[in-house]
Amino acid sequence: MTRTHWAAITAVVLALLFAGAATVASAGGSPPAADTPSAASADAGFARDMSVHHQQAVEMSFLVRDGTDDEEVRRLAYDIANTQANQRGMMLGWLDLWGLPKVEAGTEPMTWMHGDGDTSGHAGHGSAHDAGDAGDAPLMPGMATKAEMAKLAGLSGEEAEIYYLQLMITHHNGGVAMAEGCVRLCEVGTERSLAQGMVDAQRSEVELMVGLLKKRGAQPRI
């Protein structure tokens, strides 16, 4: 199997372990809210979409850990993978607790953000530098395309570090916009708190990654 396949499998296993732990923990305590959110709610939409968004960040981070020996970048990648797999497990656990599907058939990503008039998160927006055609457009804000993921998997050394940092800055910026949407629209207090934590942590990591790029003579992509 290729390095990309192993990274994807590892990421999925890690996320599923966290999801199982989150479901057990949630079942043993009080639910995050007195009223169960509906499938069309911002709470459910954010949990579904951010779980997908986080999964790609985990996969990207495993790819760069395999592609470089630089301890600073590898440590950052591990922290991102561990944090986002954990958060993904929490969100999937809540969906299980609420009795809601993890995939809503017939619903485009980011429609839950339209509640405050924000349509910037509609599918197809985000980074598409290496997309090549509309069929490889990113699924959600900041997400890498299939072509970009394949390119990252084929790089090594400083080239892999720079490309990962550029992709992850864009990824984080998209994630921050989504999390800010949940802070505005979600009704479950625990979920709003998680979303605000994502905003704060990912903004801090973006600043760190911009600095790492500068050390390598590179800049974030516009």
Protein backbone atom coordinates (compact mmCIF):
# COMPACT_ATOMS: atom_id res chain seq x y z
CA MET A 1 0.00 0.00 0.00
CA THR A 2 1.14 3.56 -0.64
CA ARG A 3 2.15 6.05 2.02
CA THR A 4 -1.04 8.00 1.28
CA HIS A 5 -3.20 4.94 1.93
CA TRP A 6 -1.44 4.18 5.22
CA ALA A 7 -1.84 7.78 6.36
CA ALA A 8 -5.53 7.77 5.52
CA ILE A 9 -6.11 4.44 7.29
CA THR A 10 -4.25 5.61 10.39
CA ALA A 11 -6.21 8.85 10.47
CA VAL A 12 -9.53 7.04 10.18
CA VAL A 13 -8.66 4.56 12.94
CA LEU A 14 -7.53 7.35 15.25
CA ALA A 15 -10.67 9.36 14.62
CA LEU A 16 -12.93 6.33 15.16
CA LEU A 17 -11.25 5.58 18.48
CA PHE A 18 -11.89 9.12 19.63
CA ALA A 19 -15.47 8.94 18.35
CA GLY A 20 -16.11 5.78 20.33
CA ALA A 21 -14.67 7.28 23.49
CA ALA A 22 -16.75 10.41 23.04
CA THR A 23 -19.95 8.40 22.57
CA VAL A 24 -19.32 6.38 25.72
CA ALA A 25 -18.47 9.49 27.71
CA SER A 26 -21.56 11.31 26.48
CA ALA A 27 -23.83 8.37 27.24
CA GLY A 28 -22.54 8.26 30.81
CA GLY A 29 -23.31 11.90 31.59
CA SER A 30 -25.74 14.66 30.83
CA PRO A 31 -26.41 15.52 27.19
CA PRO A 32 -24.88 18.78 25.94
CA ALA A 33 -28.33 20.41 25.82
CA ALA A 34 -31.79 19.85 27.23
CA ASP A 35 -33.33 19.95 23.76
CA THR A 36 -31.97 17.62 21.10
CA PRO A 37 -30.94 19.57 17.96
CA SER A 38 -32.68 18.75 14.70
CA ALA A 39 -30.86 17.35 11.68
CA ALA A 40 -31.21 20.73 9.96
CA SER A 41 -29.87 22.73 12.91
CA ALA A 42 -26.59 24.64 12.94
CA ASP A 43 -25.46 22.38 15.77
CA ALA A 44 -25.85 19.23 13.68
CA GLY A 45 -24.57 20.86 10.49
CA PHE A 46 -21.44 22.14 12.16
CA ALA A 47 -20.73 18.79 13.79
CA ARG A 48 -21.11 16.97 10.46
CA ASP A 49 -19.15 19.43 8.33
CA MET A 50 -16.36 20.15 10.79
CA SER A 51 -15.85 16.41 11.30
CA VAL A 52 -15.11 16.10 7.57
CA HIS A 53 -12.95 19.24 7.64
CA HIS A 54 -10.96 17.92 10.61
CA GLN A 55 -10.49 14.51 9.00
CA GLN A 56 -8.59 16.05 6.10
CA ALA A 57 -6.36 18.01 8.48
CA VAL A 58 -5.48 14.74 10.23
CA GLU A 59 -4.63 13.08 6.90
CA MET A 60 -2.50 16.05 5.78
CA SER A 61 -0.62 16.00 9.07
CA PHE A 62 0.22 12.30 8.80
CA LEU A 63 1.45 12.88 5.26
CA VAL A 64 3.94 15.56 6.28
CA ARG A 65 5.11 13.55 9.29
CA ASP A 66 6.07 10.82 6.81
CA GLY A 67 7.61 13.32 4.41
CA THR A 68 10.03 15.24 6.61
CA ASP A 69 12.54 14.76 9.43
CA ASP A 70 12.16 18.33 10.69
CA GLU A 71 11.16 17.99 14.35
CA GLU A 72 9.45 21.39 14.54
CA VAL A 73 7.08 20.62 11.68
CA ARG A 74 6.58 17.02 12.79
CA ARG A 75 5.66 18.19 16.30
CA LEU A 76 3.18 20.71 14.90
CA ALA A 77 1.67 18.07 12.62
CA TYR A 78 1.29 15.65 15.54
CA ASP A 79 -0.41 18.31 17.68
CA ILE A 80 -2.84 19.20 14.89
CA ALA A 81 -3.64 15.55 14.13
CA ASN A 82 -4.15 14.66 17.79
CA THR A 83 -6.26 17.72 18.59
CA GLN A 84 -8.48 17.52 15.54
CA ALA A 85 -9.00 13.76 15.80
CA ASN A 86 -10.07 14.29 19.41
CA GLN A 87 -12.45 17.10 18.50
CA ARG A 88 -13.83 15.08 15.61
CA GLY A 89 -14.56 12.22 17.98
CA MET A 90 -16.46 14.58 20.28
CA MET A 91 -18.61 15.90 17.44
CA LEU A 92 -19.37 12.46 16.05
CA GLY A 93 -20.22 11.34 19.58
CA TRP A 94 -22.72 14.16 19.94
CA LEU A 95 -24.39 13.22 16.66
CA ASP A 96 -24.74 9.66 17.97
CA LEU A 97 -26.14 10.95 21.26
CA TRP A 98 -28.66 13.12 19.41
CA GLY A 99 -29.67 10.21 17.18
CA LEU A 100 -28.70 12.15 14.06
CA PRO A 101 -26.94 10.89 10.91
CA LYS A 102 -23.28 11.70 10.38
CA VAL A 103 -24.08 12.28 6.69
CA GLU A 104 -27.23 14.13 5.64
CA ALA A 105 -28.24 12.89 2.20
CA GLY A 106 -29.30 15.60 -0.23
CA THR A 107 -27.87 18.44 1.87
CA GLU A 108 -24.90 20.40 0.55
CA PRO A 109 -22.08 21.21 2.99
CA MET A 110 -22.27 24.52 4.83
CA THR A 111 -25.99 25.16 4.32
CA TRP A 112 -26.31 25.51 8.10
CA MET A 113 -24.28 28.75 7.92
CA HIS A 114 -26.92 30.42 5.77
CA GLY A 115 -28.89 31.15 8.92
CA ASP A 116 -26.98 34.40 9.42
CA GLY A 117 -26.82 35.32 5.75
CA ASP A 118 -23.30 33.98 5.30
CA THR A 119 -23.01 32.15 1.99
CA SER A 120 -19.21 32.27 1.82
CA GLY A 121 -19.03 28.69 3.03
CA HIS A 122 -20.95 27.20 0.11
CA ALA A 123 -19.36 24.11 -1.39
CA GLY A 124 -16.86 24.97 -4.08
CA HIS A 125 -15.34 27.97 -2.32
CA GLY A 126 -11.89 27.90 -0.79
CA SER A 127 -8.46 26.99 -2.05
CA ALA A 128 -8.35 25.65 -5.58
CA HIS A 129 -4.81 26.52 -6.66
CA ASP A 130 -4.08 23.07 -8.05
CA ALA A 131 -7.65 22.00 -8.78
CA GLY A 132 -7.23 21.92 -12.53
CA ASP A 133 -10.99 21.81 -13.12
CA ALA A 134 -14.24 22.43 -11.29
CA GLY A 135 -14.63 18.72 -10.64
CA ASP A 136 -11.78 18.90 -8.12
CA ALA A 137 -13.05 21.96 -6.26
CA PRO A 138 -12.64 21.88 -2.48
CA LEU A 139 -15.63 20.54 -0.57
CA MET A 140 -15.64 23.27 2.09
CA PRO A 141 -13.78 26.50 2.92
CA GLY A 142 -10.04 25.98 3.17
CA MET A 143 -10.07 22.29 2.30
CA ALA A 144 -7.41 21.00 -0.08
CA THR A 145 -8.39 19.49 -3.40
CA LYS A 146 -7.61 15.92 -4.40
CA ALA A 147 -4.80 17.22 -6.60
CA GLU A 148 -3.31 19.18 -3.71
CA MET A 149 -3.45 16.17 -1.41
CA ALA A 150 -1.75 14.02 -4.05
CA LYS A 151 0.94 16.65 -4.53
CA LEU A 152 1.62 16.80 -0.78
CA ALA A 153 1.90 13.02 -0.65
CA GLY A 154 4.58 13.14 -3.36
CA LEU A 155 6.80 15.77 -1.71
CA SER A 156 9.54 15.36 0.85
CA GLY A 157 11.88 17.46 2.93
CA GLU A 158 11.56 21.24 2.89
CA GLU A 159 9.25 21.15 -0.13
CA ALA A 160 6.79 19.02 1.86
CA GLU A 161 7.11 21.31 4.88
CA ILE A 162 6.40 24.47 2.90
CA TYR A 163 3.49 22.99 0.98
CA TYR A 164 1.95 21.52 4.14
CA LEU A 165 2.23 24.81 5.99
CA GLN A 166 0.66 26.69 3.08
CA LEU A 167 -2.19 24.20 2.78
CA MET A 168 -2.78 24.09 6.53
CA ILE A 169 -2.87 27.88 6.89
CA THR A 170 -5.61 27.96 4.26
CA HIS A 171 -7.30 24.99 5.95
CA HIS A 172 -7.21 26.66 9.36
CA ASN A 173 -8.56 29.94 8.02
CA GLY A 174 -11.52 28.08 6.51
CA GLY A 175 -12.03 26.19 9.76
CA VAL A 176 -11.98 29.42 11.77
CA ALA A 177 -14.75 30.86 9.58
CA MET A 178 -16.84 27.73 10.12
CA ALA A 179 -16.24 27.74 13.88
CA GLU A 180 -17.16 31.40 14.10
CA GLY A 181 -20.41 30.48 12.36
CA CYS A 182 -21.15 27.94 15.08
CA VAL A 183 -20.35 30.46 17.80
CA ARG A 184 -23.02 32.70 16.27
CA LEU A 185 -25.60 30.09 15.37
CA CYS A 186 -25.24 26.94 17.49
CA GLU A 187 -27.58 26.60 20.46
CA VAL A 188 -25.74 23.90 22.40
CA GLY A 189 -23.47 25.68 24.86
CA THR A 190 -20.88 22.89 24.96
CA GLU A 191 -20.60 22.95 21.19
CA ARG A 192 -20.28 26.75 21.08
CA SER A 193 -17.47 26.52 23.62
CA LEU A 194 -15.69 23.91 21.52
CA ALA A 195 -16.10 26.10 18.43
CA GLN A 196 -14.66 29.14 20.21
CA GLY A 197 -11.73 27.02 21.35
CA MET A 198 -11.13 26.05 17.72
CA VAL A 199 -11.13 29.72 16.70
CA ASP A 200 -8.58 30.68 19.36
CA ALA A 201 -6.29 27.68 18.88
CA GLN A 202 -6.27 27.72 15.07
CA ARG A 203 -5.61 31.46 14.89
CA SER A 204 -2.61 30.92 17.16
CA GLU A 205 -1.40 28.02 15.00
CA VAL A 206 -1.75 30.14 11.86
CA GLU A 207 0.61 32.72 13.38
CA LEU A 208 3.07 29.94 14.21
CA MET A 209 2.88 28.49 10.69
CA VAL A 210 3.40 31.89 9.06
CA GLY A 211 6.59 32.16 11.11
CA LEU A 212 7.72 28.68 10.06
CA LEU A 213 7.17 29.62 6.42
CA LYS A 214 9.25 32.79 6.81
CA LYS A 215 12.09 30.72 8.25
CA ARG A 216 11.99 28.74 5.01
CA GLY A 217 11.85 31.81 2.76
CA ALA A 218 8.20 31.22 1.83
CA GLN A 219 4.85 32.96 2.28
CA PRO A 220 1.24 31.83 2.75
CA ARG A 221 -0.71 31.44 -0.47
CA ILE A 222 -3.29 34.09 -1.31
